[in-house]
Amino acid sequence: MKIAIFQIQFTGMVTTIPSCRRCKKLKSLCKCGRPLFDGKNEKLVLSKLDEAFAHCLSDKDAALYAGISPSAYYRLIEKQPEIRERKERLRLEVNMALRKVVIEHAKKDPQMALKLLERMQPLEFAPTAVRPPPAPEIKDPRPLSEQAKEQLMRFNPHPETWRTTQ
């Protein structure tokens, strides 16, 4: 494998700069690079990505389903940011369609309506086993001394309202 090399003579020094194998331009000026989809049809890849996002796949799984590497997918997102917006819109559409189906079914089945309420508002409608336990009563870890008890008796003669550990 031979790489064409340009030699530039500048102030008495010889510098070698590699060139592109395809276009024979300097590497710094070359726009060739590796193809984004490794020669695959771009429309086919984009349609497979749309289908994967409609099924709520992760970015990595969607890229693998479309037949490209995850790094190629992220390079595509950098070049075409509207794909990210389309991904979010497709996922939102699927989410809304699922909610619509659940809500329509909940109208017919009261048990389904209760399950939906348990999921959406667990503090109000979840069974008691799922609810968080009540906050424990805070007790003062230090017992009162006799002098403190006498002072409390002067201000508050009802000992049942004192917060003590005894």
N, C-alpha and C. Protein backbone atom coordinates (compact mmCIF):
# COMPACT_ATOMS: atom_id res chain seq x y z
N MET A 1 0.84 -1.17 0.00
CA MET A 1 0.00 0.00 0.00
C MET A 1 0.89 1.24 0.00
N LYS A 2 0.76 2.02 -1.03
CA LYS A 2 1.56 3.24 -1.12
C LYS A 2 0.70 4.44 -0.79
N ILE A 3 1.26 5.36 -0.04
CA ILE A 3 0.58 6.60 0.27
C ILE A 3 1.38 7.71 -0.40
N ALA A 4 0.69 8.49 -1.20
CA ALA A 4 1.36 9.61 -1.86
C ALA A 4 1.75 10.63 -0.81
N ILE A 5 2.95 11.14 -0.92
CA ILE A 5 3.45 12.09 0.05
C ILE A 5 3.93 13.33 -0.69
N PHE A 6 3.44 14.47 -0.24
CA PHE A 6 3.90 15.74 -0.78
C PHE A 6 5.10 16.19 0.03
N GLN A 7 6.05 16.73 -0.64
CA GLN A 7 7.20 17.27 0.06
C GLN A 7 7.18 18.79 -0.11
N ILE A 8 7.27 19.47 1.01
CA ILE A 8 7.25 20.91 1.00
C ILE A 8 8.60 21.39 1.53
N GLN A 9 9.20 22.26 0.79
CA GLN A 9 10.48 22.79 1.22
C GLN A 9 10.24 24.21 1.71
N PHE A 10 10.50 24.41 2.99
CA PHE A 10 10.24 25.72 3.60
C PHE A 10 11.44 26.08 4.46
N THR A 11 12.05 27.11 4.15
CA THR A 11 13.23 27.61 4.87
C THR A 11 14.28 26.52 5.11
N GLY A 12 14.53 25.77 4.06
CA GLY A 12 15.60 24.79 4.15
C GLY A 12 15.20 23.46 4.76
N MET A 13 13.95 23.31 5.32
CA MET A 13 13.53 22.05 5.93
C MET A 13 12.58 21.33 4.98
N VAL A 14 12.71 20.04 4.91
CA VAL A 14 11.81 19.24 4.08
C VAL A 14 10.79 18.58 5.00
N THR A 15 9.50 18.79 4.74
CA THR A 15 8.43 18.22 5.54
C THR A 15 7.58 17.33 4.65
N THR A 16 7.22 16.17 5.14
CA THR A 16 6.36 15.28 4.36
C THR A 16 4.95 15.32 4.95
N ILE A 17 3.96 15.50 4.06
CA ILE A 17 2.56 15.55 4.47
C ILE A 17 1.81 14.47 3.70
N PRO A 18 1.11 13.56 4.39
CA PRO A 18 0.40 12.49 3.67
C PRO A 18 -0.79 13.04 2.90
N SER A 19 -1.14 12.35 1.82
CA SER A 19 -2.28 12.77 1.00
C SER A 19 -3.34 11.68 1.02
N CYS A 20 -4.53 12.03 0.55
CA CYS A 20 -5.65 11.10 0.50
C CYS A 20 -5.42 10.06 -0.58
N ARG A 21 -5.83 8.84 -0.36
CA ARG A 21 -5.68 7.78 -1.35
C ARG A 21 -6.69 7.92 -2.48
N ARG A 22 -7.84 8.49 -2.19
CA ARG A 22 -8.90 8.60 -3.20
C ARG A 22 -8.71 9.80 -4.11
N CYS A 23 -8.66 10.98 -3.49
CA CYS A 23 -8.66 12.21 -4.29
C CYS A 23 -7.27 12.80 -4.48
N LYS A 24 -6.29 12.25 -3.83
CA LYS A 24 -4.90 12.68 -3.92
C LYS A 24 -4.68 14.11 -3.43
N LYS A 25 -5.62 14.64 -2.64
CA LYS A 25 -5.44 15.95 -2.03
C LYS A 25 -4.69 15.78 -0.72
N LEU A 26 -4.25 16.90 -0.18
CA LEU A 26 -3.65 16.85 1.15
C LEU A 26 -4.68 16.37 2.15
N LYS A 27 -4.26 15.60 3.14
CA LYS A 27 -5.19 15.07 4.15
C LYS A 27 -5.97 16.19 4.83
N SER A 28 -5.32 17.33 5.09
CA SER A 28 -6.00 18.43 5.77
C SER A 28 -7.08 19.07 4.89
N LEU A 29 -6.97 18.93 3.56
CA LEU A 29 -7.95 19.51 2.64
C LEU A 29 -8.97 18.50 2.13
N CYS A 30 -8.74 17.23 2.39
CA CYS A 30 -9.58 16.16 1.87
C CYS A 30 -10.92 16.09 2.60
N LYS A 31 -12.00 15.92 1.85
CA LYS A 31 -13.33 15.76 2.43
C LYS A 31 -13.87 14.35 2.21
N CYS A 32 -13.05 13.46 1.71
CA CYS A 32 -13.51 12.10 1.39
C CYS A 32 -13.88 11.35 2.67
N GLY A 33 -12.89 10.91 3.40
CA GLY A 33 -13.13 10.18 4.63
C GLY A 33 -13.87 8.88 4.39
N ARG A 34 -14.18 8.21 5.47
CA ARG A 34 -14.93 6.96 5.39
C ARG A 34 -16.39 7.29 5.15
N PRO A 35 -17.07 6.54 4.29
CA PRO A 35 -18.49 6.80 4.06
C PRO A 35 -19.28 6.60 5.36
N LEU A 36 -20.31 7.43 5.55
CA LEU A 36 -21.06 7.42 6.79
C LEU A 36 -21.76 6.08 7.03
N PHE A 37 -22.34 5.50 5.99
CA PHE A 37 -23.09 4.25 6.15
C PHE A 37 -22.39 3.07 5.51
N ASP A 38 -21.11 3.18 5.25
CA ASP A 38 -20.33 2.10 4.63
C ASP A 38 -20.96 1.62 3.33
N GLY A 39 -21.44 2.55 2.52
CA GLY A 39 -21.99 2.21 1.22
C GLY A 39 -23.45 1.79 1.23
N LYS A 40 -24.12 1.81 2.37
CA LYS A 40 -25.53 1.43 2.44
C LYS A 40 -26.40 2.59 1.94
N ASN A 41 -27.58 2.27 1.49
CA ASN A 41 -28.51 3.28 1.01
C ASN A 41 -28.97 4.15 2.18
N GLU A 42 -28.80 5.47 2.04
CA GLU A 42 -29.11 6.39 3.14
C GLU A 42 -30.60 6.39 3.46
N LYS A 43 -31.45 6.34 2.44
CA LYS A 43 -32.90 6.35 2.68
C LYS A 43 -33.34 5.11 3.43
N LEU A 44 -32.75 3.97 3.09
CA LEU A 44 -33.09 2.72 3.77
C LEU A 44 -32.66 2.77 5.24
N VAL A 45 -31.46 3.29 5.49
CA VAL A 45 -30.96 3.40 6.86
C VAL A 45 -31.85 4.33 7.68
N LEU A 46 -32.22 5.48 7.10
CA LEU A 46 -33.06 6.43 7.83
C LEU A 46 -34.45 5.87 8.10
N SER A 47 -35.00 5.11 7.14
CA SER A 47 -36.33 4.52 7.38
C SER A 47 -36.25 3.45 8.47
N LYS A 48 -35.15 2.68 8.51
CA LYS A 48 -35.00 1.68 9.58
C LYS A 48 -34.81 2.36 10.93
N LEU A 49 -34.09 3.49 10.96
CA LEU A 49 -33.95 4.23 12.21
C LEU A 49 -35.31 4.73 12.69
N ASP A 50 -36.12 5.26 11.76
CA ASP A 50 -37.45 5.73 12.14
C ASP A 50 -38.30 4.59 12.71
N GLU A 51 -38.22 3.43 12.07
CA GLU A 51 -38.98 2.27 12.54
C GLU A 51 -38.51 1.85 13.93
N ALA A 52 -37.21 1.86 14.16
CA ALA A 52 -36.66 1.47 15.46
C ALA A 52 -37.09 2.45 16.54
N PHE A 53 -37.07 3.74 16.22
CA PHE A 53 -37.48 4.74 17.21
C PHE A 53 -38.98 4.69 17.47
N ALA A 54 -39.76 4.27 16.48
CA ALA A 54 -41.19 4.10 16.69
C ALA A 54 -41.46 2.95 17.65
N HIS A 55 -40.50 2.00 17.73
CA HIS A 55 -40.63 0.89 18.67
C HIS A 55 -39.90 1.18 19.99
N CYS A 56 -39.49 2.43 20.19
CA CYS A 56 -38.85 2.90 21.43
C CYS A 56 -37.55 2.17 21.75
N LEU A 57 -36.76 1.85 20.73
CA LEU A 57 -35.46 1.23 20.97
C LEU A 57 -34.46 2.30 21.41
N SER A 58 -33.42 1.89 22.08
CA SER A 58 -32.37 2.82 22.48
C SER A 58 -31.58 3.24 21.24
N ASP A 59 -30.73 4.25 21.39
CA ASP A 59 -29.93 4.72 20.25
C ASP A 59 -29.03 3.62 19.71
N LYS A 60 -28.38 2.89 20.61
CA LYS A 60 -27.47 1.83 20.20
C LYS A 60 -28.22 0.71 19.47
N ASP A 61 -29.35 0.29 20.04
CA ASP A 61 -30.13 -0.78 19.42
C ASP A 61 -30.71 -0.33 18.08
N ALA A 62 -31.14 0.94 17.99
CA ALA A 62 -31.67 1.44 16.73
C ALA A 62 -30.60 1.46 15.65
N ALA A 63 -29.38 1.86 16.02
CA ALA A 63 -28.29 1.88 15.05
C ALA A 63 -27.98 0.46 14.58
N LEU A 64 -27.93 -0.48 15.50
CA LEU A 64 -27.65 -1.86 15.11
C LEU A 64 -28.78 -2.42 14.25
N TYR A 65 -30.03 -2.06 14.54
CA TYR A 65 -31.16 -2.51 13.73
C TYR A 65 -31.07 -1.95 12.32
N ALA A 66 -30.61 -0.70 12.20
CA ALA A 66 -30.48 -0.07 10.89
C ALA A 66 -29.24 -0.55 10.13
N GLY A 67 -28.38 -1.32 10.80
CA GLY A 67 -27.21 -1.88 10.13
C GLY A 67 -26.02 -0.94 10.12
N ILE A 68 -25.98 0.02 11.01
CA ILE A 68 -24.83 0.92 11.11
C ILE A 68 -24.27 0.84 12.53
N SER A 69 -23.07 1.34 12.69
CA SER A 69 -22.47 1.32 14.02
C SER A 69 -23.02 2.47 14.85
N PRO A 70 -23.00 2.33 16.18
CA PRO A 70 -23.45 3.44 17.02
C PRO A 70 -22.67 4.72 16.78
N SER A 71 -21.37 4.60 16.51
CA SER A 71 -20.58 5.81 16.25
C SER A 71 -21.01 6.48 14.95
N ALA A 72 -21.38 5.69 13.94
CA ALA A 72 -21.89 6.27 12.69
C ALA A 72 -23.23 6.97 12.94
N TYR A 73 -24.04 6.40 13.83
CA TYR A 73 -25.31 7.04 14.16
C TYR A 73 -25.06 8.41 14.82
N TYR A 74 -24.11 8.47 15.76
CA TYR A 74 -23.84 9.73 16.44
C TYR A 74 -23.22 10.76 15.48
N ARG A 75 -22.41 10.30 14.51
CA ARG A 75 -21.90 11.23 13.50
C ARG A 75 -23.05 11.75 12.64
N LEU A 76 -24.01 10.90 12.35
CA LEU A 76 -25.18 11.32 11.57
C LEU A 76 -25.98 12.37 12.34
N ILE A 77 -26.14 12.18 13.64
CA ILE A 77 -26.86 13.14 14.48
C ILE A 77 -26.14 14.50 14.47
N GLU A 78 -24.81 14.47 14.48
CA GLU A 78 -24.06 15.72 14.43
C GLU A 78 -24.29 16.45 13.11
N LYS A 79 -24.32 15.68 12.02
CA LYS A 79 -24.51 16.30 10.70
C LYS A 79 -25.95 16.74 10.47
N GLN A 80 -26.91 15.95 10.97
CA GLN A 80 -28.33 16.24 10.73
C GLN A 80 -29.07 16.23 12.07
N PRO A 81 -29.09 17.36 12.79
CA PRO A 81 -29.75 17.39 14.10
C PRO A 81 -31.26 17.19 14.04
N GLU A 82 -31.86 17.35 12.87
CA GLU A 82 -33.31 17.14 12.78
C GLU A 82 -33.69 15.68 12.99
N ILE A 83 -32.74 14.77 12.86
CA ILE A 83 -33.02 13.35 13.12
C ILE A 83 -33.31 13.15 14.60
N ARG A 84 -32.60 13.85 15.46
CA ARG A 84 -32.85 13.75 16.91
C ARG A 84 -34.27 14.24 17.22
N GLU A 85 -34.69 15.34 16.60
CA GLU A 85 -36.04 15.84 16.83
C GLU A 85 -37.08 14.84 16.34
N ARG A 86 -36.80 14.22 15.17
CA ARG A 86 -37.73 13.22 14.65
C ARG A 86 -37.81 12.02 15.58
N LYS A 87 -36.67 11.63 16.16
CA LYS A 87 -36.66 10.51 17.12
C LYS A 87 -37.54 10.83 18.32
N GLU A 88 -37.40 12.02 18.89
CA GLU A 88 -38.22 12.41 20.04
C GLU A 88 -39.70 12.44 19.68
N ARG A 89 -40.01 12.95 18.48
CA ARG A 89 -41.41 13.03 18.06
C ARG A 89 -42.01 11.62 17.89
N LEU A 90 -41.25 10.71 17.30
CA LEU A 90 -41.75 9.34 17.12
C LEU A 90 -41.99 8.65 18.46
N ARG A 91 -41.07 8.83 19.39
CA ARG A 91 -41.25 8.22 20.71
C ARG A 91 -42.44 8.82 21.43
N LEU A 92 -42.64 10.12 21.30
CA LEU A 92 -43.79 10.77 21.93
C LEU A 92 -45.10 10.28 21.32
N GLU A 93 -45.12 10.12 19.99
CA GLU A 93 -46.33 9.63 19.33
C GLU A 93 -46.68 8.23 19.82
N VAL A 94 -45.69 7.37 19.96
CA VAL A 94 -45.94 6.01 20.43
C VAL A 94 -46.45 6.05 21.87
N ASN A 95 -45.83 6.88 22.70
CA ASN A 95 -46.24 7.00 24.09
C ASN A 95 -47.68 7.50 24.19
N MET A 96 -48.03 8.49 23.40
CA MET A 96 -49.40 9.01 23.42
C MET A 96 -50.40 7.97 22.93
N ALA A 97 -50.03 7.21 21.90
CA ALA A 97 -50.93 6.17 21.40
C ALA A 97 -51.16 5.09 22.46
N LEU A 98 -50.12 4.72 23.19
CA LEU A 98 -50.27 3.73 24.26
C LEU A 98 -51.15 4.26 25.38
N ARG A 99 -50.96 5.51 25.75
CA ARG A 99 -51.81 6.09 26.80
C ARG A 99 -53.28 6.12 26.35
N LYS A 100 -53.51 6.45 25.09
CA LYS A 100 -54.87 6.50 24.57
C LYS A 100 -55.54 5.13 24.66
N VAL A 101 -54.80 4.08 24.28
CA VAL A 101 -55.35 2.73 24.35
C VAL A 101 -55.67 2.35 25.78
N VAL A 102 -54.77 2.67 26.72
CA VAL A 102 -54.99 2.32 28.12
C VAL A 102 -56.20 3.07 28.67
N ILE A 103 -56.32 4.35 28.34
CA ILE A 103 -57.44 5.14 28.84
C ILE A 103 -58.76 4.66 28.25
N GLU A 104 -58.77 4.31 26.97
CA GLU A 104 -60.00 3.79 26.35
C GLU A 104 -60.41 2.48 26.99
N HIS A 105 -59.45 1.62 27.28
CA HIS A 105 -59.76 0.34 27.91
C HIS A 105 -60.20 0.55 29.36
N ALA A 106 -59.65 1.56 30.02
CA ALA A 106 -60.02 1.84 31.41
C ALA A 106 -61.47 2.29 31.51
N LYS A 107 -62.01 2.90 30.47
CA LYS A 107 -63.41 3.31 30.49
C LYS A 107 -64.33 2.10 30.53
N LYS A 108 -63.91 1.02 29.90
CA LYS A 108 -64.73 -0.19 29.85
C LYS A 108 -64.52 -1.10 31.06
N ASP A 109 -63.33 -1.09 31.61
CA ASP A 109 -62.98 -2.01 32.69
C ASP A 109 -62.60 -1.21 33.94
N PRO A 110 -63.42 -1.22 35.01
CA PRO A 110 -63.09 -0.43 36.20
C PRO A 110 -61.80 -0.88 36.89
N GLN A 111 -61.47 -2.16 36.80
CA GLN A 111 -60.21 -2.63 37.40
C GLN A 111 -59.00 -2.00 36.70
N MET A 112 -59.12 -1.89 35.38
CA MET A 112 -58.05 -1.24 34.62
C MET A 112 -57.94 0.23 35.00
N ALA A 113 -59.07 0.88 35.22
CA ALA A 113 -59.06 2.29 35.63
C ALA A 113 -58.36 2.44 36.98
N LEU A 114 -58.63 1.51 37.90
CA LEU A 114 -57.99 1.56 39.21
C LEU A 114 -56.48 1.34 39.08
N LYS A 115 -56.06 0.39 38.25
CA LYS A 115 -54.64 0.16 38.04
C LYS A 115 -53.97 1.38 37.44
N LEU A 116 -54.65 2.03 36.52
CA LEU A 116 -54.11 3.24 35.91
C LEU A 116 -53.92 4.34 36.96
N LEU A 117 -54.91 4.50 37.83
CA LEU A 117 -54.80 5.50 38.89
C LEU A 117 -53.68 5.15 39.88
N GLU A 118 -53.52 3.86 40.19
CA GLU A 118 -52.45 3.43 41.08
C GLU A 118 -51.08 3.77 40.51
N ARG A 119 -50.93 3.63 39.19
CA ARG A 119 -49.64 3.93 38.55
C ARG A 119 -49.39 5.43 38.42
N MET A 120 -50.45 6.16 38.09
CA MET A 120 -50.27 7.59 37.82
C MET A 120 -50.20 8.42 39.10
N GLN A 121 -50.93 8.03 40.14
CA GLN A 121 -50.95 8.77 41.39
C GLN A 121 -50.84 7.78 42.56
N PRO A 122 -49.64 7.24 42.79
CA PRO A 122 -49.48 6.18 43.79
C PRO A 122 -49.73 6.63 45.22
N LEU A 123 -49.48 7.88 45.55
CA LEU A 123 -49.69 8.31 46.93
C LEU A 123 -51.17 8.33 47.31
N GLU A 124 -52.03 8.57 46.35
CA GLU A 124 -53.46 8.63 46.63
C GLU A 124 -54.16 7.28 46.47
N PHE A 125 -53.77 6.51 45.42
CA PHE A 125 -54.55 5.33 45.07
C PHE A 125 -53.84 4.00 45.23
N ALA A 126 -52.56 4.00 45.56
CA ALA A 126 -51.85 2.74 45.69
C ALA A 126 -52.30 2.00 46.95
N PRO A 127 -52.19 0.68 46.97
CA PRO A 127 -52.51 -0.07 48.19
C PRO A 127 -51.59 0.37 49.33
N THR A 128 -52.03 0.13 50.54
CA THR A 128 -51.27 0.61 51.70
C THR A 128 -49.88 -0.02 51.80
N ALA A 129 -49.69 -1.21 51.27
CA ALA A 129 -48.38 -1.86 51.34
C ALA A 129 -47.35 -1.11 50.49
N VAL A 130 -47.81 -0.38 49.50
CA VAL A 130 -46.91 0.33 48.61
C VAL A 130 -46.60 1.73 49.12
N ARG A 131 -47.50 2.29 49.90
CA ARG A 131 -47.32 3.64 50.40
C ARG A 131 -46.13 3.72 51.34
N PRO A 132 -45.46 4.84 51.39
CA PRO A 132 -44.35 4.95 52.33
C PRO A 132 -44.86 4.97 53.76
N PRO A 133 -44.10 4.40 54.69
CA PRO A 133 -44.55 4.37 56.09
C PRO A 133 -44.58 5.78 56.66
N PRO A 134 -45.40 6.00 57.70
CA PRO A 134 -45.43 7.34 58.31
C PRO A 134 -44.09 7.64 58.99
N ALA A 135 -43.81 8.90 59.13
CA ALA A 135 -42.55 9.31 59.74
C ALA A 135 -42.53 8.88 61.21
N PRO A 136 -41.42 8.36 61.69
CA PRO A 136 -41.37 7.92 63.10
C PRO A 136 -41.40 9.14 64.04
N GLU A 137 -41.88 8.89 65.24
CA GLU A 137 -41.92 9.95 66.24
C GLU A 137 -40.50 10.23 66.71
N ILE A 138 -40.17 11.48 66.77
CA ILE A 138 -38.81 11.87 67.17
C ILE A 138 -38.77 11.96 68.69
N LYS A 139 -37.82 11.24 69.27
CA LYS A 139 -37.65 11.26 70.72
C LYS A 139 -36.30 11.87 71.04
N ASP A 140 -36.28 12.59 72.13
CA ASP A 140 -35.03 13.18 72.59
C ASP A 140 -34.18 12.07 73.20
N PRO A 141 -32.95 11.87 72.72
CA PRO A 141 -32.14 10.76 73.23
C PRO A 141 -31.60 10.99 74.65
N ARG A 142 -31.66 12.21 75.14
CA ARG A 142 -31.11 12.49 76.47
C ARG A 142 -32.23 12.55 77.51
N PRO A 143 -32.12 11.80 78.59
CA PRO A 143 -33.14 11.90 79.65
C PRO A 143 -32.98 13.23 80.39
N LEU A 144 -34.09 13.71 80.93
CA LEU A 144 -34.06 14.97 81.67
C LEU A 144 -33.48 14.76 83.06
N SER A 145 -32.70 15.71 83.49
CA SER A 145 -32.16 15.66 84.86
C SER A 145 -33.25 16.13 85.83
N GLU A 146 -33.02 15.90 87.09
CA GLU A 146 -34.01 16.30 88.12
C GLU A 146 -34.18 17.82 88.12
N GLN A 147 -33.11 18.55 87.97
CA GLN A 147 -33.18 20.00 87.96
C GLN A 147 -34.02 20.48 86.77
N ALA A 148 -33.86 19.84 85.59
CA ALA A 148 -34.63 20.22 84.41
C ALA A 148 -36.11 19.90 84.61
N LYS A 149 -36.39 18.74 85.26
CA LYS A 149 -37.79 18.39 85.53
C LYS A 149 -38.45 19.42 86.44
N GLU A 150 -37.71 19.89 87.48
CA GLU A 150 -38.27 20.90 88.38
C GLU A 150 -38.57 22.21 87.63
N GLN A 151 -37.67 22.59 86.75
CA GLN A 151 -37.90 23.82 85.98
C GLN A 151 -39.10 23.66 85.05
N LEU A 152 -39.24 22.49 84.46
CA LEU A 152 -40.40 22.26 83.59
C LEU A 152 -41.70 22.27 84.37
N MET A 153 -41.67 21.74 85.61
CA MET A 153 -42.89 21.73 86.44
C MET A 153 -43.35 23.14 86.75
N ARG A 154 -42.40 24.06 86.88
CA ARG A 154 -42.79 25.45 87.14
C ARG A 154 -43.49 26.07 85.92
N PHE A 155 -42.98 25.77 84.74
CA PHE A 155 -43.57 26.36 83.53
C PHE A 155 -44.74 25.56 82.99
N ASN A 156 -44.67 24.24 83.10
CA ASN A 156 -45.72 23.39 82.56
C ASN A 156 -46.00 22.27 83.57
N PRO A 157 -47.08 22.36 84.32
CA PRO A 157 -47.34 21.35 85.36
C PRO A 157 -47.88 20.03 84.81
N HIS A 158 -48.02 19.87 83.51
CA HIS A 158 -48.57 18.63 82.93
C HIS A 158 -47.42 17.80 82.34
N PRO A 159 -46.90 16.81 83.06
CA PRO A 159 -45.75 16.05 82.57
C PRO A 159 -46.04 15.21 81.34
N GLU A 160 -47.30 14.91 81.01
CA GLU A 160 -47.60 14.09 79.83
C GLU A 160 -47.25 14.81 78.53
N THR A 161 -47.07 16.11 78.58
CA THR A 161 -46.71 16.86 77.36
C THR A 161 -45.21 17.02 77.21
N TRP A 162 -44.41 16.56 78.17
CA TRP A 162 -42.97 16.65 78.08
C TRP A 162 -42.47 15.61 77.07
N ARG A 163 -41.43 15.94 76.34
CA ARG A 163 -40.80 14.99 75.41
C ARG A 163 -39.59 14.40 76.09
N THR A 164 -39.74 13.23 76.64
CA THR A 164 -38.63 12.57 77.33
C THR A 164 -38.54 11.13 76.86
N THR A 165 -37.44 10.48 77.17
CA THR A 165 -37.26 9.06 76.83
C THR A 165 -37.61 8.17 77.99
N GLN A 166 -37.95 8.71 79.12
CA GLN A 166 -38.26 7.87 80.28
C GLN A 166 -39.67 7.38 80.25
